[in-house]
C-alpha atoms as a PDB file:
ATOM      1  CA  MET A   1      17.188 -11.235 -59.692  1.00  0.00           C
ATOM      2  CA  GLY A   2      14.431 -11.026 -57.674  1.00  0.00           C
ATOM      3  CA  ALA A   3      11.824 -14.243 -56.901  1.00  0.00           C
ATOM      4  CA  SER A   4       9.155 -12.811 -58.934  1.00  0.00           C
ATOM      5  CA  GLN A   5      11.427 -12.229 -61.740  1.00  0.00           C
ATOM      6  CA  ARG A   6      12.614 -15.737 -61.359  1.00  0.00           C
ATOM      7  CA  CYS A   7       8.772 -16.765 -61.305  1.00  0.00           C
ATOM      8  CA  ARG A   8       8.131 -14.889 -64.025  1.00  0.00           C
ATOM      9  CA  SER A   9      11.284 -15.795 -66.633  1.00  0.00           C
ATOM     10  CA  SER A  10      10.781 -19.279 -65.586  1.00  0.00           C
ATOM     11  CA  GLY A  11       6.778 -19.556 -66.774  1.00  0.00           C
ATOM     12  CA  LYS A  12       5.955 -21.471 -63.622  1.00  0.00           C
ATOM     13  CA  PRO A  13       4.517 -18.751 -61.409  1.00  0.00           C
ATOM     14  CA  SER A  14       2.228 -21.401 -59.702  1.00  0.00           C
ATOM     15  CA  SER A  15       5.178 -23.178 -57.730  1.00  0.00           C
ATOM     16  CA  CYS A  16       6.903 -19.761 -56.867  1.00  0.00           C
ATOM     17  CA  GLY A  17       3.660 -19.024 -54.946  1.00  0.00           C
ATOM     18  CA  PRO A  18       4.887 -20.322 -51.454  1.00  0.00           C
ATOM     19  CA  LEU A  19       8.368 -18.295 -52.348  1.00  0.00           C
ATOM     20  CA  LEU A  20       7.325 -15.197 -52.703  1.00  0.00           C
ATOM     21  CA  LEU A  21       5.044 -15.535 -49.611  1.00  0.00           C
ATOM     22  CA  VAL A  22       7.658 -15.805 -47.233  1.00  0.00           C
ATOM     23  CA  GLY A  23       9.334 -12.632 -48.807  1.00  0.00           C
ATOM     24  CA  LYS A  24       6.426 -10.570 -48.450  1.00  0.00           C
ATOM     25  CA  LEU A  25       6.748 -11.465 -45.056  1.00  0.00           C
ATOM     26  CA  TRP A  26       9.990 -11.016 -44.366  1.00  0.00           C
ATOM     27  CA  LEU A  27       9.601  -7.310 -46.269  1.00  0.00           C
ATOM     28  CA  LEU A  28       7.022  -6.900 -43.702  1.00  0.00           C
ATOM     29  CA  SER A  29       8.289  -7.461 -40.238  1.00  0.00           C
ATOM     30  CA  MET A  30      11.825  -5.532 -41.482  1.00  0.00           C
ATOM     31  CA  ILE A  31       9.670  -3.050 -41.740  1.00  0.00           C
ATOM     32  CA  MET A  32       7.225  -3.272 -38.924  1.00  0.00           C
ATOM     33  CA  THR A  33      11.173  -3.986 -36.875  1.00  0.00           C
ATOM     34  CA  ALA A  34      12.177  -0.656 -37.929  1.00  0.00           C
ATOM     35  CA  TYR A  35       8.771   1.937 -37.492  1.00  0.00           C
ATOM     36  CA  ALA A  36       6.793  -0.298 -34.576  1.00  0.00           C
ATOM     37  CA  CYS A  37       6.310   1.777 -31.928  1.00  0.00           C
ATOM     38  CA  PRO A  38       6.514   0.286 -28.018  1.00  0.00           C
ATOM     39  CA  LYS A  39       3.128   1.138 -27.016  1.00  0.00           C
ATOM     40  CA  ILE A  40       2.977   3.003 -23.972  1.00  0.00           C
ATOM     41  CA  CYS A  41       4.879   5.429 -26.313  1.00  0.00           C
ATOM     42  CA  HIS A  42       3.943   7.754 -28.637  1.00  0.00           C
ATOM     43  CA  CYS A  43       4.969   7.911 -32.239  1.00  0.00           C
ATOM     44  CA  THR A  44       5.426  10.358 -35.029  1.00  0.00           C
ATOM     45  CA  ASP A  45       6.756  10.654 -38.175  1.00  0.00           C
ATOM     46  CA  ARG A  46       9.409  13.486 -38.704  1.00  0.00           C
ATOM     47  CA  ASN A  47      12.284  12.620 -41.341  1.00  0.00           C
ATOM     48  CA  GLY A  48      12.595  10.361 -39.275  1.00  0.00           C
ATOM     49  CA  VAL A  49      10.508   8.750 -35.706  1.00  0.00           C
ATOM     50  CA  VAL A  50      10.421  10.790 -32.867  1.00  0.00           C
ATOM     51  CA  VAL A  51       9.682   8.379 -29.817  1.00  0.00           C
ATOM     52  CA  GLN A  52       7.457  10.204 -27.080  1.00  0.00           C
ATOM     53  CA  CYS A  53       7.415   8.521 -23.550  1.00  0.00           C
ATOM     54  CA  THR A  54       7.479  10.992 -21.570  1.00  0.00           C
ATOM     55  CA  SER A  55       5.834  11.006 -18.504  1.00  0.00           C
ATOM     56  CA  ARG A  56       5.253   6.942 -17.904  1.00  0.00           C
ATOM     57  CA  ASN A  57       6.694   5.878 -14.807  1.00  0.00           C
ATOM     58  CA  LEU A  58       9.335   3.896 -17.385  1.00  0.00           C
ATOM     59  CA  GLU A  59      11.542   2.398 -14.579  1.00  0.00           C
ATOM     60  CA  SER A  60      14.047   1.270 -17.712  1.00  0.00           C
ATOM     61  CA  ILE A  61      14.762   2.195 -20.863  1.00  0.00           C
ATOM     62  CA  PRO A  62      11.906   1.003 -23.593  1.00  0.00           C
ATOM     63  CA  ALA A  63      12.786  -1.968 -25.430  1.00  0.00           C
ATOM     64  CA  ASN A  64      12.132  -2.575 -29.206  1.00  0.00           C
ATOM     65  CA  LEU A  65      12.110   1.045 -30.088  1.00  0.00           C
ATOM     66  CA  PRO A  66      12.095   1.631 -33.387  1.00  0.00           C
ATOM     67  CA  LYS A  67      15.646   1.667 -35.505  1.00  0.00           C
ATOM     68  CA  ASP A  68      14.889   5.089 -37.274  1.00  0.00           C
ATOM     69  CA  THR A  69      14.252   6.570 -33.792  1.00  0.00           C
ATOM     70  CA  VAL A  70      15.330  11.333 -34.470  1.00  0.00           C
ATOM     71  CA  VAL A  71      14.393  11.717 -31.115  1.00  0.00           C
ATOM     72  CA  LEU A  72      13.755  10.534 -28.145  1.00  0.00           C
ATOM     73  CA  LEU A  73      11.656  11.665 -25.544  1.00  0.00           C
ATOM     74  CA  LEU A  74      11.970   9.597 -22.062  1.00  0.00           C
ATOM     75  CA  SER A  75      11.746  12.705 -19.809  1.00  0.00           C
ATOM     76  CA  SER A  76       9.629  12.835 -16.044  1.00  0.00           C
ATOM     77  CA  ASN A  77       9.984   8.638 -15.377  1.00  0.00           C
ATOM     78  CA  ARG A  78      11.069   6.608 -12.786  1.00  0.00           C
ATOM     79  CA  ILE A  79      14.752   5.511 -14.452  1.00  0.00           C
ATOM     80  CA  ARG A  80      17.623   5.004 -12.545  1.00  0.00           C
ATOM     81  CA  HIS A  81      20.481   2.750 -14.210  1.00  0.00           C
ATOM     82  CA  ILE A  82      21.844   3.193 -17.733  1.00  0.00           C
ATOM     83  CA  PRO A  83      22.940   0.073 -18.940  1.00  0.00           C
ATOM     84  CA  LYS A  84      25.893  -0.934 -21.741  1.00  0.00           C
ATOM     85  CA  GLU A  85      24.576  -0.856 -25.001  1.00  0.00           C
ATOM     86  CA  ALA A  86      21.212   0.703 -23.618  1.00  0.00           C
ATOM     87  CA  PHE A  87      20.679   2.500 -27.207  1.00  0.00           C
ATOM     88  CA  THR A  88      23.012   0.796 -29.603  1.00  0.00           C
ATOM     89  CA  ASP A  89      20.940  -0.332 -32.422  1.00  0.00           C
ATOM     90  CA  LEU A  90      19.671   3.622 -33.008  1.00  0.00           C
ATOM     91  CA  HIS A  91      22.366   4.633 -35.139  1.00  0.00           C
ATOM     92  CA  ARG A  92      20.173   7.629 -36.360  1.00  0.00           C
ATOM     93  CA  LEU A  93      19.101   9.114 -33.039  1.00  0.00           C
ATOM     94  CA  ARG A  94      19.746  13.181 -32.843  1.00  0.00           C
ATOM     95  CA  GLU A  95      18.196  14.346 -29.958  1.00  0.00           C
ATOM     96  CA  LEU A  96      17.977  11.902 -26.472  1.00  0.00           C
ATOM     97  CA  ASP A  97      15.880  13.742 -23.346  1.00  0.00           C
ATOM     98  CA  ILE A  98      16.440  11.360 -19.976  1.00  0.00           C
ATOM     99  CA  SER A  99      16.090  14.193 -17.866  1.00  0.00           C
ATOM    100  CA  HIS A 100      13.707  14.445 -14.652  1.00  0.00           C
ATOM    101  CA  ASN A 101      14.311  10.685 -13.608  1.00  0.00           C
ATOM    102  CA  ALA A 102      16.118   9.047 -10.790  1.00  0.00           C
ATOM    103  CA  ILE A 103      19.133   8.690 -12.400  1.00  0.00           C
ATOM    104  CA  GLU A 104      21.925   7.734 -10.031  1.00  0.00           C
ATOM    105  CA  SER A 105      24.517   5.900 -12.179  1.00  0.00           C
ATOM    106  CA  MET A 106      25.398   4.454 -15.906  1.00  0.00           C
ATOM    107  CA  GLU A 107      27.687   2.182 -16.881  1.00  0.00           C
ATOM    108  CA  VAL A 108      30.968   3.231 -19.724  1.00  0.00           C
ATOM    109  CA  GLY A 109      29.259   2.342 -23.455  1.00  0.00           C
ATOM    110  CA  ALA A 110      26.010   3.147 -22.112  1.00  0.00           C
ATOM    111  CA  PHE A 111      25.674   5.685 -25.796  1.00  0.00           C
ATOM    112  CA  GLN A 112      27.770   3.075 -27.557  1.00  0.00           C
ATOM    113  CA  GLY A 113      26.146   2.630 -30.691  1.00  0.00           C
ATOM    114  CA  ILE A 114      25.081   6.974 -30.725  1.00  0.00           C
ATOM    115  CA  TYR A 115      28.598   8.163 -30.024  1.00  0.00           C
ATOM    116  CA  GLU A 116      28.514  10.106 -33.807  1.00  0.00           C
ATOM    117  CA  SER A 117      24.902  11.241 -34.692  1.00  0.00           C
ATOM    118  CA  LEU A 118      23.614  12.403 -30.800  1.00  0.00           C
ATOM    119  CA  ARG A 119      23.865  16.309 -30.804  1.00  0.00           C
ATOM    120  CA  THR A 120      22.168  17.357 -28.136  1.00  0.00           C
ATOM    121  CA  LEU A 121      21.885  15.175 -24.273  1.00  0.00           C
ATOM    122  CA  ASP A 122      20.136  16.055 -21.116  1.00  0.00           C
ATOM    123  CA  LEU A 123      20.587  14.844 -18.048  1.00  0.00           C
ATOM    124  CA  SER A 124      19.711  17.441 -15.645  1.00  0.00           C
ATOM    125  CA  ASN A 125      17.675  16.637 -12.866  1.00  0.00           C
ATOM    126  CA  ASN A 126      18.888  13.603 -12.137  1.00  0.00           C
ATOM    127  CA  HIS A 127      20.450  11.778  -8.811  1.00  0.00           C
ATOM    128  CA  LEU A 128      23.905  11.444 -10.217  1.00  0.00           C
ATOM    129  CA  SER A 129      27.155  12.322  -8.216  1.00  0.00           C
ATOM    130  CA  SER A 130      29.674  10.115 -10.392  1.00  0.00           C
ATOM    131  CA  LEU A 131      30.055   8.694 -13.772  1.00  0.00           C
ATOM    132  CA  PRO A 132      33.222   6.290 -14.498  1.00  0.00           C
ATOM    133  CA  LYS A 133      35.710   8.470 -16.329  1.00  0.00           C
ATOM    134  CA  ASP A 134      35.162   6.631 -19.612  1.00  0.00           C
ATOM    135  CA  THR A 135      31.002   6.716 -19.503  1.00  0.00           C
ATOM    136  CA  PHE A 136      31.362  10.258 -21.962  1.00  0.00           C
ATOM    137  CA  ALA A 137      34.811   9.094 -24.721  1.00  0.00           C
ATOM    138  CA  LYS A 138      33.527   8.951 -28.076  1.00  0.00           C
ATOM    139  CA  LEU A 139      30.390  11.144 -27.402  1.00  0.00           C
ATOM    140  CA  HIS A 140      30.095  14.463 -29.807  1.00  0.00           C
ATOM    141  CA  ALA A 141      26.668  15.682 -28.541  1.00  0.00           C
ATOM    142  CA  ARG A 142      26.297  18.835 -25.975  1.00  0.00           C
ATOM    143  CA  VAL A 143      25.989  17.629 -22.732  1.00  0.00           C
ATOM    144  CA  ARG A 144      23.302  18.615 -19.701  1.00  0.00           C
ATOM    145  CA  LEU A 145      24.633  17.578 -16.403  1.00  0.00           C
ATOM    146  CA  SER A 146      22.336  20.758 -14.384  1.00  0.00           C
ATOM    147  CA  HIS A 147      20.729  19.976 -11.290  1.00  0.00           C
ATOM    148  CA  ASN A 148      22.917  16.534  -9.871  1.00  0.00           C
ATOM    149  CA  PRO A 149      23.612  16.717  -6.467  1.00  0.00           C
ATOM    150  CA  TRP A 150      27.829  16.474  -8.386  1.00  0.00           C
ATOM    151  CA  HIS A 151      30.768  15.208  -6.022  1.00  0.00           C
ATOM    152  CA  CYS A 152      33.475  17.411  -6.856  1.00  0.00           C
ATOM    153  CA  GLU A 153      36.992  15.305  -7.080  1.00  0.00           C
ATOM    154  CA  CYS A 154      39.133  13.274  -9.004  1.00  0.00           C
ATOM    155  CA  SER A 155      36.803  11.681 -11.063  1.00  0.00           C
ATOM    156  CA  LEU A 156      34.612  14.095 -11.931  1.00  0.00           C
ATOM    157  CA  GLN A 157      36.947  16.355 -12.981  1.00  0.00           C
ATOM    158  CA  GLU A 158      38.209  13.267 -15.892  1.00  0.00           C
ATOM    159  CA  VAL A 159      34.782  12.964 -17.040  1.00  0.00           C
ATOM    160  CA  LEU A 160      34.311  16.616 -18.333  1.00  0.00           C
ATOM    161  CA  ARG A 161      37.678  16.795 -20.204  1.00  0.00           C
ATOM    162  CA  GLU A 162      35.374  13.992 -22.371  1.00  0.00           C
ATOM    163  CA  LEU A 163      32.442  16.173 -22.771  1.00  0.00           C
ATOM    164  CA  ARG A 164      30.875  18.933 -24.250  1.00  0.00           C
ATOM    165  CA  LEU A 165      28.369  20.817 -21.942  1.00  0.00           C
ATOM    166  CA  ASP A 166      25.593  23.075 -22.441  1.00  0.00           C
ATOM    167  CA  PRO A 167      26.657  26.454 -22.372  1.00  0.00           C
ATOM    168  CA  GLU A 168      23.653  27.805 -21.441  1.00  0.00           C
ATOM    169  CA  THR A 169      23.264  25.188 -18.596  1.00  0.00           C
ATOM    170  CA  VAL A 170      27.362  24.994 -17.430  1.00  0.00           C
ATOM    171  CA  ASN A 171      27.207  26.986 -14.251  1.00  0.00           C
ATOM    172  CA  GLU A 172      24.091  25.060 -12.867  1.00  0.00           C
ATOM    173  CA  VAL A 173      26.250  22.012 -12.536  1.00  0.00           C
ATOM    174  CA  SER A 174      27.174  22.027  -8.803  1.00  0.00           C
ATOM    175  CA  CYS A 175      29.930  21.156  -6.048  1.00  0.00           C
ATOM    176  CA  TYR A 176      26.948  19.205  -4.130  1.00  0.00           C
ATOM    177  CA  THR A 177      30.291  17.826  -1.978  1.00  0.00           C
ATOM    178  CA  SER A 178      33.433  18.083  -2.241  1.00  0.00           C
ATOM    179  CA  VAL A 179      36.736  16.609  -1.109  1.00  0.00           C
ATOM    180  CA  GLN A 180      37.267  19.838  -0.678  1.00  0.00           C
ATOM    181  CA  GLU A 181      34.327  21.766   1.817  1.00  0.00           C
ATOM    182  CA  GLU A 182      35.242  25.363   0.477  1.00  0.00           C
ATOM    183  CA  TYR A 183      33.876  24.442  -2.643  1.00  0.00           C
ATOM    184  CA  VAL A 184      30.719  22.606  -1.740  1.00  0.00           C
ATOM    185  CA  GLY A 185      27.903  24.732  -3.830  1.00  0.00           C
ATOM    186  CA  GLN A 186      30.297  26.322  -6.339  1.00  0.00           C
ATOM    187  CA  PRO A 187      29.934  25.696 -10.167  1.00  0.00           C
ATOM    188  CA  VAL A 188      32.418  23.091 -10.947  1.00  0.00           C
ATOM    189  CA  ILE A 189      33.550  24.506 -13.963  1.00  0.00           C
ATOM    190  CA  GLN A 190      34.618  28.287 -12.542  1.00  0.00           C
ATOM    191  CA  VAL A 191      36.554  26.104  -9.433  1.00  0.00           C
ATOM    192  CA  LEU A 192      38.318  24.451 -12.141  1.00  0.00           C
ATOM    193  CA  ASP A 193      39.533  27.220 -14.483  1.00  0.00           C
ATOM    194  CA  SER A 194      40.364  28.828 -11.104  1.00  0.00           C
ATOM    195  CA  GLY A 195      43.281  26.820 -11.524  1.00  0.00           C
ATOM    196  CA  ILE A 196      42.211  23.986  -8.595  1.00  0.00           C
ATOM    197  CA  ASN A 197      42.646  20.255 -10.006  1.00  0.00           C
ATOM    198  CA  PHE A 198      40.823  17.640  -8.164  1.00  0.00           C
ATOM    199  CA  CYS A 199      43.247  14.939  -9.223  1.00  0.00           C
ATOM    200  CA  ASN A 200      46.564  16.609  -7.321  1.00  0.00           C
ATOM    201  CA  PHE A 201      44.922  16.937  -4.159  1.00  0.00           C
ATOM    202  CA  HIS A 202      43.334  13.007  -4.390  1.00  0.00           C
ATOM    203  CA  HIS A 203      47.771  12.046  -5.340  1.00  0.00           C
ATOM    204  CA  LYS A 204      48.203  14.200  -1.547  1.00  0.00           C
ATOM    205  CA  THR A 205      45.515  11.979   0.214  1.00  0.00           C
ATOM    206  CA  THR A 206      46.145   9.503  -1.059  1.00  0.00           C
ATOM    207  CA  ASP A 207      50.397   9.732   0.270  1.00  0.00           C
ATOM    208  CA  VAL A 208      48.773  11.500   3.964  1.00  0.00           C
ATOM    209  CA  ALA A 209      47.295   8.214   4.177  1.00  0.00           C
ATOM    210  CA  MET A 210      50.033   5.591   2.973  1.00  0.00           C
ATOM    211  CA  PHE A 211      52.123   7.517   5.811  1.00  0.00           C
ATOM    212  CA  VAL A 212      49.374   7.827   8.316  1.00  0.00           C
ATOM    213  CA  ALA A 213      49.578   3.740   7.861  1.00  0.00           C
ATOM    214  CA  MET A 214      52.949   3.603   7.849  1.00  0.00           C
ATOM    215  CA  PHE A 215      53.327   5.096  10.750  1.00  0.00           C
ATOM    216  CA  CYS A 216      50.296   2.985  12.182  1.00  0.00           C
ATOM    217  CA  TRP A 217      52.493  -0.061  11.333  1.00  0.00           C
ATOM    218  CA  PHE A 218      55.602   0.845  12.914  1.00  0.00           C
ATOM    219  CA  SER A 219      53.692   1.922  15.770  1.00  0.00           C
ATOM    220  CA  MET A 220      52.582  -1.219  15.743  1.00  0.00           C
ATOM    221  CA  VAL A 221      56.666  -3.111  15.960  1.00  0.00           C
ATOM    222  CA  THR A 222      57.947  -0.985  18.099  1.00  0.00           C
ATOM    223  CA  ALA A 223      55.533  -0.739  20.836  1.00  0.00           C
ATOM    224  CA  TYR A 224      55.582  -4.817  20.227  1.00  0.00           C
ATOM    225  CA  ILE A 225      59.569  -4.886  20.967  1.00  0.00           C
ATOM    226  CA  ILE A 226      59.013  -2.665  23.976  1.00  0.00           C
ATOM    227  CA  TYR A 227      56.924  -5.080  25.268  1.00  0.00           C
ATOM    228  CA  TYR A 228      58.545  -8.189  24.407  1.00  0.00           C
ATOM    229  CA  ILE A 229      61.229  -6.173  26.042  1.00  0.00           C
ATOM    230  CA  ARG A 230      59.885  -5.433  29.405  1.00  0.00           C
ATOM    231  CA  HIS A 231      57.826  -8.645  29.106  1.00  0.00           C
ATOM    232  CA  ASN A 232      61.535 -10.791  29.111  1.00  0.00           C
ATOM    233  CA  GLN A 233      62.778  -7.943  31.825  1.00  0.00           C
ATOM    234  CA  GLU A 234      59.858  -8.956  34.287  1.00  0.00           C
ATOM    235  CA  ASP A 235      60.513 -12.899  33.480  1.00  0.00           C
ATOM    236  CA  ALA A 236      64.685 -11.947  34.297  1.00  0.00           C
ATOM    237  CA  ARG A 237      63.633 -10.276  37.665  1.00  0.00           C
ATOM    238  CA  ARG A 238      61.282 -13.376  38.688  1.00  0.00           C
ATOM    239  CA  HIS A 239      63.810 -15.643  37.627  1.00  0.00           C
ATOM    240  CA  MET A 240      66.657 -13.968  39.761  1.00  0.00           C
ATOM    241  CA  GLU A 241      64.335 -13.824  43.032  1.00  0.00           C
ATOM    242  CA  TYR A 242      63.799 -17.044  42.528  1.00  0.00           C
ATOM    243  CA  LEU A 243      67.484 -18.298  42.823  1.00  0.00           C
ATOM    244  CA  LYS A 244      67.776 -16.118  45.360  1.00  0.00           C
ATOM    245  CA  SER A 245      64.994 -17.670  48.087  1.00  0.00           C
ATOM    246  CA  LEU A 246      66.402 -20.873  47.553  1.00  0.00           C
ATOM    247  CA  PRO A 247      68.877 -22.072  50.323  1.00  0.00           C
ATOM    248  CA  SER A 248      72.497 -21.568  49.412  1.00  0.00           C
ATOM    249  CA  THR A 249      75.400 -24.190  48.732  1.00  0.00           C
ATOM    250  CA  SER A 250      77.603 -23.489  51.524  1.00  0.00           C
ATOM    251  CA  HIS A 251      74.245 -23.041  54.295  1.00  0.00           C
ATOM    252  CA  ILE A 252      73.600 -26.454  53.393  1.00  0.00           C
ATOM    253  CA  SER A 253      77.157 -28.044  53.517  1.00  0.00           C
ATOM    254  CA  LYS A 254      78.118 -25.872  57.322  1.00  0.00           C
ATOM    255  CA  ASP A 255      74.670 -27.953  58.437  1.00  0.00           C
ATOM    256  CA  TYR A 256      75.863 -31.234  56.313  1.00  0.00           C
ATOM    257  CA  ASP A 257      78.874 -30.807  58.684  1.00  0.00           C
ATOM    258  CA  THR A 258      77.765 -30.331  61.748  1.00  0.00           C
ATOM    259  CA  ALA A 259      75.235 -33.354  61.278  1.00  0.00           C
ATOM    260  CA  SER A 260      78.573 -36.111  60.582  1.00  0.00           C
ATOM    261  CA  SER A 261      80.172 -34.450  63.864  1.00  0.00           C
ATOM    262  CA  VAL A 262      77.351 -35.277  65.772  1.00  0.00           C
ATOM    263  CA  PHE A 263      76.789 -39.042  64.444  1.00  0.00           C
END
């Protein structure tokens, strides 16, 4: 039974005035929380809220976005980082455009809360070169990653396994740099489809690094042993020369006998 019904049944509506006022204020605050639009953005209602924040010089994701947001447009801003749970309250979000920003990094869990609802994610034309392995884990959206300075190595290969690349821009996801120079400038998917496994190359590189480190350590130990032996030999030689320079015992005895006969 609602507050107004309880007041009518009690026959004392005047005593329920404060209670009804509190209820109306609570309802109003819930509505404002759900539909409030950030001042710097423009919002329209199209079976859910479309939030337009394009070209607003934003450096971070706007706070207090409408919880009923279905489309969020953040392209052409100056956003550099996407933190964890940046969109966690937007459970109806279907389209997210963060293209043409300066994004360099994203935390694991950046898309937590919208894994199931999100259908389109545009991260093209940013400054991304690498991402944590589980950045897109559980995400069902079609993702655009074109025109970023990607570094082709094992972690990028593992990230790509976790997502659905947009087929229209898949060949525009290219190796800007690479652990193997011959793949620079080539589309990442074509390189991987050719049978290249950057993770195997990574393991080989690690093994070579370990071998080089062990060889250097062995060389240092060997050099120290050689130095130690030579140093001891030099000390022994100097000691022998010192002993040879001392007067012999027989010579001292002869000198002593000669002196005794004279006396």
